Protein backbone atom coordinates (compact mmCIF):
# COMPACT_ATOMS: atom_id res chain seq x y z
CA MET A 1 0.07 0.04 0.00
CA GLN A 2 1.52 3.67 -0.97
CA ARG A 3 1.81 6.08 1.56
CA VAL A 4 0.94 10.03 0.96
CA CYS A 5 1.27 13.03 2.65
CA LEU A 6 -1.88 15.61 3.03
CA ALA A 7 -0.19 18.38 3.96
CA LEU A 8 -1.72 21.60 6.01
CA PRO A 9 1.34 24.33 7.06
CA THR A 10 -0.01 26.73 9.16
CA ASN A 11 1.41 29.55 11.26
CA ARG A 12 -2.19 30.58 12.38
CA PRO A 13 -4.75 28.69 14.44
CA CYS A 14 -6.83 27.37 12.32
CA ALA A 15 -9.35 24.72 13.83
CA ALA A 16 -12.02 24.41 11.10
CA ALA A 17 -9.22 23.55 8.65
CA VAL A 18 -8.09 20.77 10.37
CA ALA A 19 -11.24 19.63 10.68
CA ASP A 20 -11.75 19.60 7.11
CA ILE A 21 -8.05 18.53 5.51
CA ALA A 22 -9.08 15.59 8.20
CA GLU A 23 -12.16 14.42 6.42
CA GLU A 24 -10.11 14.55 2.99
CA ALA A 25 -7.89 12.36 4.30
CA ALA A 26 -10.43 10.16 5.45
CA TYR A 27 -12.00 9.99 2.19
CA ALA A 28 -8.66 9.32 0.43
CA ALA A 29 -8.23 6.28 2.71
CA ALA A 30 -11.58 4.94 2.14
CA HIS A 31 -11.77 5.36 -1.97
CA PHE A 32 -7.88 4.51 -2.73
CA ASP A 33 -5.38 2.29 -1.97
CA VAL A 34 -3.29 4.27 0.30
CA GLU A 35 -2.09 5.19 3.77
CA VAL A 36 -2.45 9.06 4.03
CA HIS A 37 -0.02 10.69 6.43
CA LEU A 38 -2.29 13.97 7.90
CA LEU A 39 0.53 16.28 8.46
CA VAL A 40 -0.15 19.66 10.36
CA LEU A 41 3.23 21.79 10.57
CA ASP A 42 2.05 24.44 13.02
CA THR A 43 4.34 27.30 13.62
CA ALA A 44 1.55 29.37 15.41
CA ASP A 45 2.05 30.55 18.77
CA SER A 46 1.46 29.21 22.01
CA ALA A 47 -2.07 29.75 21.67
CA GLY A 48 -2.46 29.23 17.91
CA HIS A 49 -0.74 25.70 18.74
CA ALA A 50 -2.98 25.07 21.52
CA GLU A 51 -6.58 25.65 19.71
CA ASN A 52 -4.85 23.57 16.45
CA ALA A 53 -3.73 21.08 19.42
CA GLY A 54 -7.01 20.84 20.38
CA ALA A 55 -8.47 20.58 17.08
CA VAL A 56 -6.16 17.65 15.93
CA GLY A 57 -7.18 15.59 19.45
CA ALA A 58 -10.71 15.76 18.38
CA LEU A 59 -10.57 13.96 15.46
CA ALA A 60 -12.14 10.58 15.25
CA PRO A 61 -9.57 8.03 13.94
CA ALA A 62 -10.12 7.10 10.70
CA ALA A 63 -8.85 3.53 9.10
CA GLY A 64 -5.98 4.45 6.86
CA VAL A 65 -5.00 8.00 8.37
CA VAL A 66 -1.98 8.59 10.36
CA VAL A 67 -2.11 12.31 11.95
CA HIS A 68 1.33 13.76 12.48
CA HIS A 69 1.18 17.39 14.44
CA LEU A 70 4.69 19.25 14.61
CA ASP A 71 4.89 22.34 16.42
CA THR A 72 7.95 24.50 16.15
CA GLY A 73 10.27 22.74 18.27
CA GLN A 74 9.43 19.37 16.38
CA GLN A 75 10.38 20.80 13.27
CA ARG A 76 13.86 22.15 14.19
CA ASP A 77 14.48 18.99 16.07
CA PHE A 78 13.58 17.13 13.01
CA LEU A 79 15.74 19.63 10.69
CA ARG A 80 18.42 19.23 12.92
CA ARG A 81 19.30 15.94 12.52
CA VAL A 82 18.72 15.88 8.65
CA ILE A 83 21.26 18.72 8.32
CA HIS A 84 23.65 16.56 10.48
CA ARG A 85 23.12 13.59 8.89
CA ALA A 86 23.52 15.24 5.42
CA GLY A 87 26.92 16.34 6.24
CA ALA A 88 26.32 19.92 5.06
CA THR A 89 29.03 22.48 5.71
CA GLU A 90 26.94 25.19 6.85
CA PRO A 91 24.32 23.84 8.85
CA ASP A 92 22.97 26.88 10.99
CA LEU A 93 22.54 28.78 7.41
CA LEU A 94 20.52 25.72 6.29
CA LEU A 95 18.44 25.56 9.43
CA ASP A 96 17.52 29.00 8.92
CA LEU A 97 16.67 28.67 5.36
CA MET A 98 14.33 25.90 6.61
CA LEU A 99 13.02 27.23 9.49
CA PRO A 100 13.39 30.73 9.20
CA ASP A 101 11.49 33.17 12.08
CA THR A 102 9.15 34.56 9.62
CA VAL A 103 6.88 33.99 6.63
CA SER A 104 8.12 31.52 4.30
CA TYR A 105 5.90 29.93 1.47
CA GLY A 106 8.73 27.96 0.13
CA ALA A 107 10.58 27.13 2.95
CA CYS A 108 7.51 25.63 5.12
CA THR A 109 6.92 23.88 1.69
CA ASN A 110 10.37 22.33 1.73
CA ARG A 111 9.60 21.41 5.14
CA VAL A 112 6.61 19.12 4.03
CA PHE A 113 8.88 17.71 1.27
CA LEU A 114 11.32 16.58 3.65
CA VAL A 115 9.22 14.95 6.31
CA ALA A 116 7.18 13.16 3.74
CA ALA A 117 10.77 12.02 2.21
CA ALA A 118 11.09 10.88 6.04
CA LEU A 119 7.39 9.13 6.24
CA GLY A 120 8.39 7.49 3.16
CA CYS A 121 5.22 8.94 1.21
CA ALA A 122 4.93 8.61 -2.58
CA SER A 123 3.42 11.93 -3.07
CA VAL A 124 2.64 15.43 -1.49
CA HIS A 125 -0.79 16.96 -1.87
CA ARG A 126 -0.97 20.31 0.08
CA ARG A 127 -3.63 22.76 1.19
CA ASP A 128 -3.65 26.18 2.98
CA SER A 129 -5.45 27.24 6.13
CA ASP A 130 -7.16 30.36 4.25
CA SER A 131 -9.27 27.65 2.51
CA THR A 132 -11.87 25.83 2.72
CA TYR A 133 -13.81 23.15 0.44
CA GLN A 134 -16.84 23.35 -2.29
CA LEU A 135 -20.13 21.90 -1.68
CA LEU A 136 -22.03 19.51 -4.00
CA ASP A 137 -25.16 18.41 -3.00
CA GLY A 138 -24.14 18.88 0.39
CA ARG A 139 -20.62 17.00 0.60
CA LYS A 140 -17.39 18.57 0.45
CA VAL A 141 -15.54 18.79 -3.11
CA PHE A 142 -12.22 16.87 -2.30
CA PRO A 143 -9.51 17.73 -4.95
CA ILE A 144 -7.11 14.39 -3.74
CA HIS A 145 -10.10 12.41 -5.73
CA HIS A 146 -8.36 13.70 -8.95
CA GLU A 147 -4.42 13.95 -7.80
CA LEU A 148 -4.90 10.06 -6.40
CA ARG A 149 -6.22 8.99 -9.90
CA SER A 150 -3.39 9.94 -11.80
CA LEU A 151 -0.20 11.59 -10.07
CA GLY A 152 2.87 9.25 -10.38
CA ARG A 153 0.98 6.86 -13.17
CA PRO A 154 2.34 6.95 -16.50
CA ALA A 155 0.67 9.34 -18.51
CA GLY A 156 -0.60 6.83 -20.86
CA GLU A 157 -2.27 4.91 -18.39
CA ALA A 158 -3.71 8.01 -16.44
CA ALA A 159 -5.47 8.73 -19.62
CA ALA A 160 -8.38 6.61 -18.60
CA GLY A 161 -8.84 8.45 -15.29
CA VAL A 162 -9.47 12.29 -17.00
CA THR A 163 -12.37 13.84 -18.87
CA ARG A 164 -9.84 14.84 -21.82
CA SER A 165 -6.42 13.77 -22.58
CA GLU A 166 -4.22 16.64 -24.84
CA LEU A 167 -1.30 14.31 -24.30
CA ASP A 168 1.75 14.04 -27.00
CA PRO A 169 1.77 10.55 -27.36
CA ALA A 170 5.65 10.87 -27.18
CA ASP A 171 4.78 11.60 -23.19
CA ALA A 172 2.69 8.23 -22.67
CA ALA A 173 5.34 6.79 -20.69
CA LYS A 174 6.75 10.10 -18.36
CA PRO A 175 5.07 9.75 -15.00
CA VAL A 176 1.98 12.30 -14.27
CA ALA A 177 4.23 14.51 -12.44
CA LEU A 178 1.56 17.21 -10.84
CA VAL A 179 -2.35 17.19 -10.34
CA GLY A 180 -3.91 20.42 -9.39
CA GLY A 181 -6.33 22.80 -9.31
CA SER A 182 -7.19 26.24 -8.13
CA PHE A 183 -9.62 28.48 -6.32
CA ILE A 184 -12.86 30.22 -6.29
CA GLY A 185 -13.48 33.27 -4.27
CA GLU A 186 -10.89 36.74 -3.44
CA LEU A 187 -8.10 37.32 -5.44
CA SER A 188 -4.95 34.67 -4.54
CA VAL A 189 -3.24 37.55 -3.46
CA ASP A 190 -4.92 40.37 -1.42
CA ILE A 191 -4.19 43.73 -3.90
CA GLY A 192 -7.75 43.96 -4.77
CA GLY A 193 -8.35 47.22 -2.65
CA ILE A 194 -5.81 48.85 -5.31
CA ASN A 195 -7.96 47.80 -8.29
CA THR A 196 -10.69 49.33 -6.34
CA LEU A 197 -9.12 52.62 -5.87
CA ASP A 198 -7.62 52.85 -9.22
CA PRO A 199 -7.48 50.17 -11.93
CA ALA A 200 -5.04 52.47 -13.72
CA VAL A 201 -2.26 51.52 -10.80
CA TYR A 202 -3.72 48.09 -10.26
CA HIS A 203 -2.26 47.46 -13.88
CA GLU A 204 0.59 49.30 -13.79
CA VAL A 205 1.69 47.42 -10.48
CA VAL A 206 0.82 44.02 -11.28
CA SER A 207 2.51 44.22 -14.81
CA LEU A 208 5.82 44.83 -12.86
CA TRP A 209 5.34 40.98 -12.46
CA ALA A 210 5.75 40.36 -16.05
CA PRO A 211 9.30 39.90 -17.70
CA PRO A 212 10.24 43.36 -19.32
CA ILE A 213 10.68 42.55 -22.82
CA TRP A 214 6.99 41.38 -22.59
CA SER A 215 4.56 43.69 -25.08
CA GLU A 216 2.17 46.02 -23.62
CA GLU A 217 -0.05 43.38 -24.94
CA GLU A 218 1.27 40.50 -23.35
CA LYS A 219 1.48 42.76 -19.98
CA SER A 220 -2.54 43.73 -20.32
CA ALA A 221 -3.31 39.71 -20.42
CA LEU A 222 -1.09 39.07 -17.75
CA VAL A 223 -2.99 41.19 -15.49
CA GLU A 224 -6.29 40.50 -16.67
CA ALA A 225 -5.77 36.69 -15.58
CA SER A 226 -3.25 37.66 -12.32
CA PHE A 227 -4.52 36.04 -8.92
CA THR A 228 -8.11 35.00 -10.34
CA GLY A 229 -7.83 31.37 -10.23
CA GLY A 230 -10.98 29.30 -11.40
CA GLY A 231 -13.04 32.41 -11.43
CA THR A 232 -16.40 32.59 -9.21
CA GLU A 233 -18.44 29.52 -10.97
CA PRO A 234 -19.22 27.13 -8.47
CA PHE A 235 -18.20 23.23 -9.04
CA THR A 236 -20.87 21.13 -10.60
CA VAL A 237 -19.42 18.42 -12.63
CA ASP A 238 -15.93 16.98 -12.60
CA GLU A 239 -13.49 18.25 -15.47
CA ALA A 240 -9.89 17.11 -15.63
CA VAL A 241 -7.75 17.49 -18.23
CA LEU A 242 -4.19 15.43 -19.49
CA GLY A 243 -1.34 16.83 -20.87
CA ALA A 244 0.99 19.76 -20.60
CA PRO A 245 -0.76 21.72 -17.38
CA ASP A 246 -1.81 25.24 -17.47
CA ILE A 247 0.17 26.20 -14.33
CA ARG A 248 -1.92 29.65 -14.62
CA ARG A 249 -5.01 27.69 -13.30
CA VAL A 250 -2.61 25.62 -10.24
CA ASP A 251 -2.74 27.37 -6.90
CA MET A 252 -0.74 25.75 -4.26
CA CYS A 253 -3.74 25.75 -1.74
CA ASN A 254 -4.65 22.99 -4.08
CA LEU A 255 -1.81 20.85 -5.34
CA GLY A 256 -0.42 17.29 -5.48
CA LEU A 257 3.01 16.36 -6.68
CA ASP A 258 4.94 13.07 -6.89
CA HIS A 259 7.94 12.38 -5.08
CA ARG A 260 10.06 12.39 -8.11
CA VAL A 261 9.85 16.19 -8.73
CA TYR A 262 10.29 17.37 -5.52
CA GLU A 263 12.93 15.39 -4.17
CA ARG A 264 14.96 16.59 -6.92
CA LEU A 265 14.46 20.31 -6.65
CA PRO A 266 13.52 22.45 -3.35
CA LEU A 267 11.17 25.83 -3.73
CA PRO A 268 12.90 29.15 -3.31
CA PRO A 269 13.18 29.98 0.82
CA ALA A 270 12.61 33.53 0.19
CA PRO A 271 11.61 34.75 3.39
CA ASP A 272 8.45 37.05 3.58
CA THR A 273 7.63 36.79 -0.27
CA ILE A 274 4.87 35.65 -1.52
CA GLY A 275 4.99 33.29 -4.36
CA SER A 276 8.02 31.75 -3.41
CA ASP A 277 6.36 28.56 -3.79
CA TYR A 278 5.76 28.13 -7.25
CA PHE A 279 8.79 27.44 -8.99
CA LEU A 280 8.16 23.39 -9.22
CA LEU A 281 5.16 24.28 -11.42
CA HIS A 282 7.51 25.91 -13.86
CA ALA A 283 9.98 22.72 -13.81
CA VAL A 284 7.40 20.46 -14.29
CA LEU A 285 5.59 22.28 -17.33
CA ASP A 286 9.38 23.38 -18.98
CA SER A 287 10.41 19.93 -18.40
CA GLY A 288 7.37 18.34 -20.19
CA LEU A 289 6.53 16.06 -17.39
CA PRO A 290 2.56 15.65 -17.70
CA GLY A 291 0.24 17.00 -15.77
CA VAL A 292 -3.93 17.14 -14.97
CA VAL A 293 -5.43 19.78 -14.14
CA HIS A 294 -8.68 20.08 -12.54
CA ASN A 295 -12.15 22.18 -11.44
CA ARG A 296 -12.11 20.86 -8.31
CA HIS A 297 -11.15 24.56 -6.94
CA ILE A 298 -10.90 25.38 -3.14
CA VAL A 299 -12.43 28.10 -1.63
CA ASN A 300 -10.00 31.01 -0.85
CA HIS A 301 -10.85 33.65 1.97
CA TYR A 302 -8.61 36.33 3.40
CA THR A 303 -7.50 36.25 7.50
CA PRO A 304 -8.15 39.20 8.88
CA GLU A 305 -4.78 40.46 9.90
CA ARG A 306 -3.79 41.01 5.94
CA ARG A 307 -5.88 44.06 6.49
CA THR A 308 -5.13 45.60 9.78
CA GLY A 309 -2.42 47.78 10.13
CA PRO A 310 0.66 45.81 11.55
CA GLY A 311 -0.66 42.82 9.00
CA PHE A 312 -1.15 45.15 5.94
CA THR A 313 2.65 46.37 6.18
CA ALA A 314 3.72 43.05 6.28
CA TYR A 315 1.54 41.46 3.11
CA GLN A 316 2.13 44.51 1.04
CA LEU A 317 6.12 44.19 2.26
CA ARG A 318 5.77 40.37 0.96
CA PHE A 319 4.03 41.36 -2.44
CA ALA A 320 6.95 43.87 -3.03
CA LYS A 321 9.64 41.05 -2.33
CA PHE A 322 7.28 39.00 -4.73
CA LEU A 323 7.70 41.49 -7.91
CA LEU A 324 11.83 41.77 -6.90
CA SER A 325 11.92 37.97 -6.69
CA MET A 326 11.20 37.95 -10.25
CA LEU A 327 14.35 39.99 -11.39
CA TYR A 328 16.12 36.37 -10.54
CA LEU A 329 13.29 34.15 -11.33
CA HIS A 330 12.54 34.89 -14.84
CA PRO A 331 16.00 34.20 -16.26
CA VAL A 332 15.90 30.82 -15.06
CA TYR A 333 12.02 30.44 -16.55
CA GLY A 334 13.71 31.47 -19.64
CA GLU A 335 16.39 28.97 -19.69
CA MET A 336 14.34 26.01 -18.14
CA ILE A 337 12.16 26.83 -21.54
CA ALA A 338 15.04 26.92 -23.68
CA LEU A 339 15.93 23.48 -22.12
CA GLY A 340 12.75 21.80 -22.76
CA GLY A 341 12.90 18.18 -22.28
CA GLU A 342 16.89 18.34 -21.73
CA LEU A 343 15.78 19.09 -18.19
CA LEU A 344 15.11 15.46 -17.77
CA ASP A 345 17.42 12.21 -17.49
CA GLU A 346 16.53 8.88 -19.26
CA GLN A 347 14.18 7.87 -16.37
CA HIS A 348 12.31 11.10 -16.50
CA ARG A 349 13.65 12.64 -13.20
CA LEU A 350 14.29 16.21 -13.35
CA ARG A 351 18.45 16.92 -13.60
CA VAL A 352 19.63 19.43 -11.23
CA GLU A 353 22.98 20.12 -12.75
CA PRO A 354 21.29 22.99 -15.41
CA VAL A 355 18.66 24.48 -13.01
CA LEU A 356 21.65 25.13 -10.10
CA ASP A 357 23.70 26.77 -12.86
CA SER A 358 21.05 28.78 -14.23
CA VAL A 359 20.05 29.89 -10.66
CA ARG A 360 23.77 30.63 -9.82
CA ARG A 361 24.05 32.73 -12.64
CA SER A 362 20.67 34.65 -11.96
CA ALA A 363 21.72 36.01 -8.93
CA ALA A 364 24.45 38.28 -10.56
CA TRP A 365 21.90 40.09 -12.65
CA ASP A 366 22.05 44.03 -12.76
CA ARG A 367 19.47 45.53 -10.18
CA ALA A 368 18.26 48.25 -12.24
CA ALA A 369 15.26 46.40 -13.36
CA ASN A 370 14.73 46.23 -9.54
CA VAL A 371 15.40 49.58 -8.84
CA HIS A 372 12.59 50.55 -11.76
CA ARG A 373 10.02 48.44 -9.67
CA LEU A 374 10.49 49.95 -6.62
CA ASP A 375 10.28 53.67 -7.47
CA VAL A 376 6.88 52.74 -9.46
CA LEU A 377 5.53 51.16 -6.05
CA ASP A 378 7.01 54.33 -4.58
CA ARG A 379 4.79 56.44 -6.83
CA CYS A 380 1.71 54.35 -7.34
CA TYR A 381 1.44 53.25 -3.74
CA ARG A 382 1.48 57.23 -3.10
CA ARG A 383 -1.03 58.47 -5.66
CA LEU A 384 -3.52 55.55 -4.01
CA GLY A 385 -3.27 57.30 -0.64
CA GLY A 386 -3.86 56.60 2.55
CA THR A 387 -2.67 53.39 3.86
CA TYR A 388 -0.90 53.05 0.36
CA ALA A 389 0.89 56.18 0.46
CA GLU A 390 1.59 55.01 4.64
CA PHE A 391 3.23 51.87 3.09
CA ALA A 392 5.41 53.71 0.74
CA ASP A 393 6.97 55.94 3.55
CA HIS A 394 7.59 52.56 5.38
CA LEU A 395 9.27 51.13 2.10
CA ALA A 396 11.51 53.99 1.36
CA PRO A 397 14.28 53.75 4.17
CA ARG A 398 14.23 49.89 3.25
CA ARG A 399 14.93 49.83 -0.64
CA GLN A 400 18.52 48.87 -0.20
CA GLN A 401 17.75 46.74 2.22
CA LEU A 402 15.30 44.82 -0.25
CA LEU A 403 17.63 45.07 -3.24
CA ASP A 404 20.12 42.97 -0.88
CA GLU A 405 17.71 40.76 0.39
CA ALA A 406 16.37 39.84 -3.25
CA GLN A 407 19.77 38.90 -4.37
CA ALA A 408 20.91 37.19 -1.08
CA ASP A 409 17.39 35.12 -1.80
CA ALA A 410 18.72 34.08 -4.70
CA GLU A 411 21.90 32.84 -3.75
CA ARG A 412 20.82 31.18 -0.89
CA PHE A 413 18.15 28.94 -3.38
CA ALA A 414 21.39 28.08 -5.03
CA LEU A 415 22.90 27.17 -1.66
CA LEU A 416 20.04 24.86 -1.11
CA ILE A 417 19.41 22.97 -4.39
CA GLU A 418 22.51 22.35 -3.96
CA GLY A 419 22.13 20.34 -0.73
CA TRP A 420 19.14 19.10 -1.75
CA GLY A 421 20.04 15.65 -2.48
CA ALA A 422 21.93 15.16 0.58
CA LEU A 423 18.93 16.71 2.67
CA VAL A 424 16.55 14.46 0.88
CA ALA A 425 18.46 11.19 1.70
CA ALA A 426 19.33 11.90 5.28
CA ALA A 427 15.33 12.71 5.75
CA ARG A 428 14.58 9.27 4.17
CA ALA A 429 16.81 8.02 7.40
CA GLN A 430 15.23 9.67 10.09
CA ARG A 431 11.68 8.94 12.68
CA VAL A 432 9.23 11.56 12.14
CA ALA A 433 7.58 12.57 15.87
CA GLY A 434 4.34 13.70 16.54
């Protein structure tokens, strides 16, 4: 029986999300020949952790489901053992990259990957604590239904389990590496308020995400589609498409990845940077690995702290750092597209060396484009006024620091890629508490 990891990384109290994901785990174990390891990686404060522990403790036992609830201390202990066993030359830096003292979407998912390796899981299925499931006829609609039908199977065989196949026959022997859906509800990034205040400013700010060589038409199309997910139409009937995955329709709260993807490459561990957990979606698409995109979209909602004083500032800073990270990621994405199938070895596994080389070289890129991004953000946020102008005041004295941090994040991503294989191997030899 195959083991799979259904994961909920969180830094907040989320009792409702714990109860929901436990239902999905029970559904998976009841309908598929799998043992589900339900993993709650919890870095909430003591009060939040206590609430989550109460929710975990209240779960009814379910056949085929094993629950793990790891607090910050348990995660740190696990990582220290893994890093030591891997023989890392910079153990303290690696520990900081894997478990920083601030928000890192890439780092929390990298921890899921290593714990999944320690548990002997064949796949990771990630959800978020600020989302819920849709309902159809009063029953929750679980994405894991599509994930377990296809993930890891030769794509030619998986074609029987989808509603439409666009698979290139030449890819039939490759494993399905990714199965994902999106979300309905609010924008995935909490910047809708900018669009409400001034659509022109929204267009200019979101355009900073695009590669600078794109035309205005391409940038406009990106702005129109950005952060909207699966729209607003509720689920009524299954649709699942096999082929080259449309990663614009996949969100990290609704994703399953085969272990042959995440055990080869980690995610950028950039702290306080939204979007740092999407790198592997590009690697799957650009390498020609098949995927399935479905419409069992999750319902996205915002937690209140994103729109309060300190929470607003912190979230807008993460968005700004996301835009700065593009200076270093766009060249890597471009080179992965150019390499195409050469990113895979004879066993259809991602080749680490060309990606590592590309990430290393990208870290030396000229910062002029990021200086421009900060200039545009300053001007646009001041035009919006109010709390946005206050954020511009917060950002202004930190410009040099942010430029330095964006480059350091790229350099440290290269360091993590270089040591990732040894960390995964070491994790497989560890036991997991909790």
